[in-house]
Amino acid sequence: MDSELLFDVLDLMKKLERDLAVLYIMAANSIHDAAVSSVMRKIGVESATHNYIVTLIEPLIRECPPKKVMDNETLMTIEKSIKEAINQVDSLIDYVRTKQKLGDSDLADAILEKLDELEAYEENAVKIYSFLLRSYLPITSTRADAKYRAVSKLIVKLLKGIADDEREHKELLESVNEVLGRTRG
């Protein structure tokens, strides 16, 4: 495993979480439905927290890399997926900013039309964090050095918390669709 590729992926995840936090908070500020706005704000705050947690995890991963658990091909696929998501989120942020500057009254509707895309980002984030999580699980039960094992367990707990949040975000966005009376075909 190329450890620098892993850290590139972590840097991209930090950027994606930061950008998602901005997008969700912008959405919360533009949507006048209290329930929908609250969901957007909650996800935005938690995305900012995820950015912070990934920042905190990075030195731990440098100290205790997952060794040969991950393969470069999978990491390159993840890296490509994150880059695409960042580009899409940045485009959505630009779109929202443009609509805000124009005083567009349909901004809330435009944001809500993007719910399926937002759900897809959350689903991808679950996959990415789960992949990293699976890379550390075997280490937590091996006969490795006690400190290495303990740090690996801490990384697992932090990643599991983020992955659980991402699953909940997807469910919350599905609930927003229900609140809005939308059904899936």
C-alpha atoms as a PDB file:
ATOM      1  CA  MET A   1       0.000   0.000   0.000  1.00  0.00           C
ATOM      2  CA  ASP A   2       1.203   3.475  -0.878  1.00  0.00           C
ATOM      3  CA  SER A   3       0.790   5.340   2.390  1.00  0.00           C
ATOM      4  CA  GLU A   4       0.971   8.725   0.645  1.00  0.00           C
ATOM      5  CA  LEU A   5      -2.037   7.714  -1.453  1.00  0.00           C
ATOM      6  CA  LEU A   6      -3.908   6.963   1.763  1.00  0.00           C
ATOM      7  CA  PHE A   7      -3.070  10.427   3.096  1.00  0.00           C
ATOM      8  CA  ASP A   8      -4.113  11.995  -0.209  1.00  0.00           C
ATOM      9  CA  VAL A   9      -7.475  10.244   0.230  1.00  0.00           C
ATOM     10  CA  LEU A  10      -7.751  11.539   3.803  1.00  0.00           C
ATOM     11  CA  ASP A  11      -6.991  15.093   2.612  1.00  0.00           C
ATOM     12  CA  LEU A  12      -9.689  14.752  -0.036  1.00  0.00           C
ATOM     13  CA  MET A  13     -12.166  13.465   2.558  1.00  0.00           C
ATOM     14  CA  LYS A  14     -11.428  16.496   4.748  1.00  0.00           C
ATOM     15  CA  LYS A  15     -12.119  18.796   1.790  1.00  0.00           C
ATOM     16  CA  LEU A  16     -15.295  16.930   0.856  1.00  0.00           C
ATOM     17  CA  GLU A  17     -16.610  17.048   4.437  1.00  0.00           C
ATOM     18  CA  ARG A  18     -15.771  20.771   4.658  1.00  0.00           C
ATOM     19  CA  ASP A  19     -17.476  21.501   1.337  1.00  0.00           C
ATOM     20  CA  LEU A  20     -20.536  19.439   2.313  1.00  0.00           C
ATOM     21  CA  ALA A  21     -20.744  21.367   5.589  1.00  0.00           C
ATOM     22  CA  VAL A  22     -20.796  24.638   3.637  1.00  0.00           C
ATOM     23  CA  LEU A  23     -23.405  23.316   1.201  1.00  0.00           C
ATOM     24  CA  TYR A  24     -25.734  21.988   3.894  1.00  0.00           C
ATOM     25  CA  ILE A  25     -25.510  25.186   5.963  1.00  0.00           C
ATOM     26  CA  MET A  26     -26.193  27.267   2.841  1.00  0.00           C
ATOM     27  CA  ALA A  27     -29.177  25.031   2.148  1.00  0.00           C
ATOM     28  CA  ALA A  28     -30.404  25.351   5.749  1.00  0.00           C
ATOM     29  CA  ASN A  29     -30.229  29.149   5.471  1.00  0.00           C
ATOM     30  CA  SER A  30     -32.144  29.151   2.171  1.00  0.00           C
ATOM     31  CA  ILE A  31     -34.959  26.765   3.071  1.00  0.00           C
ATOM     32  CA  HIS A  32     -37.891  28.153   5.019  1.00  0.00           C
ATOM     33  CA  ASP A  33     -39.439  24.827   6.011  1.00  0.00           C
ATOM     34  CA  ALA A  34     -38.345  24.428   9.645  1.00  0.00           C
ATOM     35  CA  ALA A  35     -38.076  20.628   9.558  1.00  0.00           C
ATOM     36  CA  VAL A  36     -36.084  20.537   6.342  1.00  0.00           C
ATOM     37  CA  SER A  37     -33.857  23.424   7.414  1.00  0.00           C
ATOM     38  CA  SER A  38     -33.140  21.683  10.735  1.00  0.00           C
ATOM     39  CA  VAL A  39     -32.100  18.483   8.980  1.00  0.00           C
ATOM     40  CA  MET A  40     -29.807  20.413   6.639  1.00  0.00           C
ATOM     41  CA  ARG A  41     -28.252  22.308   9.552  1.00  0.00           C
ATOM     42  CA  LYS A  42     -27.713  19.086  11.548  1.00  0.00           C
ATOM     43  CA  ILE A  43     -25.997  17.384   8.619  1.00  0.00           C
ATOM     44  CA  GLY A  44     -23.907  20.511   7.971  1.00  0.00           C
ATOM     45  CA  VAL A  45     -22.682  20.684  11.557  1.00  0.00           C
ATOM     46  CA  GLU A  46     -21.903  16.970  11.606  1.00  0.00           C
ATOM     47  CA  SER A  47     -20.036  17.217   8.286  1.00  0.00           C
ATOM     48  CA  ALA A  48     -17.870  19.963   9.802  1.00  0.00           C
ATOM     49  CA  THR A  49     -17.278  17.676  12.788  1.00  0.00           C
ATOM     50  CA  HIS A  50     -16.284  14.840  10.444  1.00  0.00           C
ATOM     51  CA  ASN A  51     -13.742  17.144   8.812  1.00  0.00           C
ATOM     52  CA  TYR A  52     -12.293  17.822  12.255  1.00  0.00           C
ATOM     53  CA  ILE A  53     -12.257  14.132  13.244  1.00  0.00           C
ATOM     54  CA  VAL A  54     -10.498  13.117  10.019  1.00  0.00           C
ATOM     55  CA  THR A  55      -7.945  15.841  10.778  1.00  0.00           C
ATOM     56  CA  LEU A  56      -7.455  14.331  14.251  1.00  0.00           C
ATOM     57  CA  ILE A  57      -7.218  10.777  12.899  1.00  0.00           C
ATOM     58  CA  GLU A  58      -4.522  11.570  10.357  1.00  0.00           C
ATOM     59  CA  PRO A  59      -1.598  11.670  12.855  1.00  0.00           C
ATOM     60  CA  LEU A  60      -2.916   8.460  14.428  1.00  0.00           C
ATOM     61  CA  ILE A  61      -2.905   6.755  11.040  1.00  0.00           C
ATOM     62  CA  ARG A  62       0.626   8.042  10.411  1.00  0.00           C
ATOM     63  CA  GLU A  63       1.640   6.507  13.737  1.00  0.00           C
ATOM     64  CA  CYS A  64      -0.241   3.257  13.099  1.00  0.00           C
ATOM     65  CA  PRO A  65      -0.743   2.734   9.358  1.00  0.00           C
ATOM     66  CA  PRO A  66      -2.984  -0.181   8.360  1.00  0.00           C
ATOM     67  CA  LYS A  67       0.066  -1.905   6.829  1.00  0.00           C
ATOM     68  CA  LYS A  68      -0.822  -4.267   3.976  1.00  0.00           C
ATOM     69  CA  VAL A  69      -4.557  -4.363   4.560  1.00  0.00           C
ATOM     70  CA  MET A  70      -5.494  -1.948   1.778  1.00  0.00           C
ATOM     71  CA  ASP A  71      -4.607  -2.160  -1.869  1.00  0.00           C
ATOM     72  CA  ASN A  72      -3.623   0.721  -4.138  1.00  0.00           C
ATOM     73  CA  GLU A  73      -6.219  -0.084  -6.786  1.00  0.00           C
ATOM     74  CA  THR A  74      -9.075   0.319  -4.316  1.00  0.00           C
ATOM     75  CA  LEU A  75      -7.530   3.493  -2.919  1.00  0.00           C
ATOM     76  CA  MET A  76      -7.182   4.948  -6.431  1.00  0.00           C
ATOM     77  CA  THR A  77     -10.844   4.164  -7.127  1.00  0.00           C
ATOM     78  CA  ILE A  78     -11.831   5.834  -3.849  1.00  0.00           C
ATOM     79  CA  GLU A  79      -9.637   8.837  -4.647  1.00  0.00           C
ATOM     80  CA  LYS A  80     -11.308   9.244  -8.047  1.00  0.00           C
ATOM     81  CA  SER A  81     -14.778   8.968  -6.496  1.00  0.00           C
ATOM     82  CA  ILE A  82     -13.988  11.603  -3.867  1.00  0.00           C
ATOM     83  CA  LYS A  83     -12.569  13.994  -6.475  1.00  0.00           C
ATOM     84  CA  GLU A  84     -15.753  13.642  -8.530  1.00  0.00           C
ATOM     85  CA  ALA A  85     -17.892  14.276  -5.448  1.00  0.00           C
ATOM     86  CA  ILE A  86     -15.850  17.363  -4.549  1.00  0.00           C
ATOM     87  CA  ASN A  87     -16.315  18.750  -8.065  1.00  0.00           C
ATOM     88  CA  GLN A  88     -20.064  18.126  -7.919  1.00  0.00           C
ATOM     89  CA  VAL A  89     -20.422  19.647  -4.447  1.00  0.00           C
ATOM     90  CA  ASP A  90     -18.351  22.681  -5.460  1.00  0.00           C
ATOM     91  CA  SER A  91     -20.615  23.114  -8.500  1.00  0.00           C
ATOM     92  CA  LEU A  92     -23.671  22.963  -6.251  1.00  0.00           C
ATOM     93  CA  ILE A  93     -22.147  25.553  -3.907  1.00  0.00           C
ATOM     94  CA  ASP A  94     -21.446  27.866  -6.872  1.00  0.00           C
ATOM     95  CA  TYR A  95     -24.993  27.295  -8.111  1.00  0.00           C
ATOM     96  CA  VAL A  96     -26.485  28.177  -4.713  1.00  0.00           C
ATOM     97  CA  ARG A  97     -24.270  31.269  -4.377  1.00  0.00           C
ATOM     98  CA  THR A  98     -25.313  32.461  -7.842  1.00  0.00           C
ATOM     99  CA  LYS A  99     -28.996  31.928  -7.035  1.00  0.00           C
ATOM    100  CA  GLN A 100     -28.560  33.752  -3.696  1.00  0.00           C
ATOM    101  CA  LYS A 101     -26.915  36.747  -5.388  1.00  0.00           C
ATOM    102  CA  LEU A 102     -29.794  36.932  -7.849  1.00  0.00           C
ATOM    103  CA  GLY A 103     -32.284  36.771  -4.988  1.00  0.00           C
ATOM    104  CA  ASP A 104     -33.872  33.752  -6.617  1.00  0.00           C
ATOM    105  CA  SER A 105     -37.062  32.846  -4.753  1.00  0.00           C
ATOM    106  CA  ASP A 106     -36.915  29.310  -6.176  1.00  0.00           C
ATOM    107  CA  LEU A 107     -33.588  28.608  -4.470  1.00  0.00           C
ATOM    108  CA  ALA A 108     -35.080  26.292  -1.845  1.00  0.00           C
ATOM    109  CA  ASP A 109     -36.824  24.257  -4.539  1.00  0.00           C
ATOM    110  CA  ALA A 110     -33.609  24.088  -6.562  1.00  0.00           C
ATOM    111  CA  ILE A 111     -31.676  22.796  -3.554  1.00  0.00           C
ATOM    112  CA  LEU A 112     -34.347  20.275  -2.675  1.00  0.00           C
ATOM    113  CA  GLU A 113     -34.297  18.970  -6.246  1.00  0.00           C
ATOM    114  CA  LYS A 114     -30.703  17.937  -5.535  1.00  0.00           C
ATOM    115  CA  LEU A 115     -31.660  15.673  -2.598  1.00  0.00           C
ATOM    116  CA  ASP A 116     -30.974  12.505  -4.569  1.00  0.00           C
ATOM    117  CA  GLU A 117     -27.443  13.740  -5.301  1.00  0.00           C
ATOM    118  CA  LEU A 118     -26.918  14.581  -1.641  1.00  0.00           C
ATOM    119  CA  GLU A 119     -28.121  11.118  -0.645  1.00  0.00           C
ATOM    120  CA  ALA A 120     -25.608   9.626  -3.089  1.00  0.00           C
ATOM    121  CA  TYR A 121     -22.759  11.621  -1.472  1.00  0.00           C
ATOM    122  CA  GLU A 122     -23.765  10.317   1.939  1.00  0.00           C
ATOM    123  CA  GLU A 123     -23.944   6.755   0.621  1.00  0.00           C
ATOM    124  CA  ASN A 124     -20.470   7.080  -0.927  1.00  0.00           C
ATOM    125  CA  ALA A 125     -19.090   8.500   2.310  1.00  0.00           C
ATOM    126  CA  VAL A 126     -20.419   5.450   4.170  1.00  0.00           C
ATOM    127  CA  LYS A 127     -18.567   3.212   1.702  1.00  0.00           C
ATOM    128  CA  ILE A 128     -15.317   5.136   2.064  1.00  0.00           C
ATOM    129  CA  TYR A 129     -15.342   5.268   5.860  1.00  0.00           C
ATOM    130  CA  SER A 130     -16.425   1.626   6.047  1.00  0.00           C
ATOM    131  CA  PHE A 131     -13.541   0.646   3.779  1.00  0.00           C
ATOM    132  CA  LEU A 132     -11.071   2.443   6.051  1.00  0.00           C
ATOM    133  CA  LEU A 133     -12.759   0.898   9.066  1.00  0.00           C
ATOM    134  CA  ARG A 134     -12.392  -2.622   7.632  1.00  0.00           C
ATOM    135  CA  SER A 135      -8.701  -1.917   7.096  1.00  0.00           C
ATOM    136  CA  TYR A 136      -8.222  -1.458  10.828  1.00  0.00           C
ATOM    137  CA  LEU A 137     -10.537  -4.094  12.275  1.00  0.00           C
ATOM    138  CA  PRO A 138      -8.087  -7.006  11.790  1.00  0.00           C
ATOM    139  CA  ILE A 139      -5.368  -5.077  13.614  1.00  0.00           C
ATOM    140  CA  THR A 140      -7.509  -4.611  16.715  1.00  0.00           C
ATOM    141  CA  SER A 141      -7.579  -8.346  17.393  1.00  0.00           C
ATOM    142  CA  THR A 142      -4.046  -9.332  16.463  1.00  0.00           C
ATOM    143  CA  ARG A 143      -1.064  -9.895  18.667  1.00  0.00           C
ATOM    144  CA  ALA A 144       0.430  -6.619  17.537  1.00  0.00           C
ATOM    145  CA  ASP A 145       2.158  -4.270  19.912  1.00  0.00           C
ATOM    146  CA  ALA A 146      -0.301  -3.180  22.649  1.00  0.00           C
ATOM    147  CA  LYS A 147      -0.047   0.519  21.800  1.00  0.00           C
ATOM    148  CA  TYR A 148      -0.494  -0.155  18.078  1.00  0.00           C
ATOM    149  CA  ARG A 149      -3.558  -2.259  18.839  1.00  0.00           C
ATOM    150  CA  ALA A 150      -4.978   0.419  21.197  1.00  0.00           C
ATOM    151  CA  VAL A 151      -4.460   3.220  18.662  1.00  0.00           C
ATOM    152  CA  SER A 152      -6.036   1.037  15.976  1.00  0.00           C
ATOM    153  CA  LYS A 153      -9.074   0.502  18.228  1.00  0.00           C
ATOM    154  CA  LEU A 154      -9.358   4.273  18.682  1.00  0.00           C
ATOM    155  CA  ILE A 155      -9.206   4.803  14.917  1.00  0.00           C
ATOM    156  CA  VAL A 156     -11.918   2.151  14.468  1.00  0.00           C
ATOM    157  CA  LYS A 157     -14.196   3.858  17.012  1.00  0.00           C
ATOM    158  CA  LEU A 158     -13.752   7.267  15.390  1.00  0.00           C
ATOM    159  CA  LEU A 159     -14.322   5.923  11.870  1.00  0.00           C
ATOM    160  CA  LYS A 160     -17.328   3.900  13.011  1.00  0.00           C
ATOM    161  CA  GLY A 161     -18.873   7.040  14.513  1.00  0.00           C
ATOM    162  CA  ILE A 162     -18.469   8.893  11.226  1.00  0.00           C
ATOM    163  CA  ALA A 163     -19.800   5.964   9.150  1.00  0.00           C
ATOM    164  CA  ASP A 164     -22.842   5.707  11.455  1.00  0.00           C
ATOM    165  CA  ASP A 165     -23.461   9.449  11.070  1.00  0.00           C
ATOM    166  CA  GLU A 166     -23.255   9.159   7.286  1.00  0.00           C
ATOM    167  CA  ARG A 167     -25.843   6.356   7.318  1.00  0.00           C
ATOM    168  CA  GLU A 168     -28.082   8.557   9.453  1.00  0.00           C
ATOM    169  CA  HIS A 169     -27.586  11.500   7.064  1.00  0.00           C
ATOM    170  CA  LYS A 170     -28.833   9.382   4.179  1.00  0.00           C
ATOM    171  CA  GLU A 171     -31.867   8.351   6.241  1.00  0.00           C
ATOM    172  CA  LEU A 172     -32.528  11.977   7.223  1.00  0.00           C
ATOM    173  CA  LEU A 173     -32.431  13.057   3.584  1.00  0.00           C
ATOM    174  CA  GLU A 174     -34.872  10.263   2.750  1.00  0.00           C
ATOM    175  CA  SER A 175     -37.122  11.613   5.529  1.00  0.00           C
ATOM    176  CA  VAL A 176     -36.900  15.092   4.006  1.00  0.00           C
ATOM    177  CA  ASN A 177     -38.230  13.615   0.764  1.00  0.00           C
ATOM    178  CA  GLU A 178     -41.137  12.147   2.764  1.00  0.00           C
ATOM    179  CA  VAL A 179     -41.785  15.479   4.512  1.00  0.00           C
ATOM    180  CA  LEU A 180     -41.951  17.087   1.086  1.00  0.00           C
ATOM    181  CA  GLY A 181     -44.370  14.401  -0.090  1.00  0.00           C
ATOM    182  CA  ARG A 182     -42.014  12.962  -2.667  1.00  0.00           C
ATOM    183  CA  THR A 183     -42.111   9.313  -3.477  1.00  0.00           C
ATOM    184  CA  ARG A 184     -39.476   7.209  -5.140  1.00  0.00           C
ATOM    185  CA  GLY A 185     -40.306   5.481  -8.382  1.00  0.00           C
END
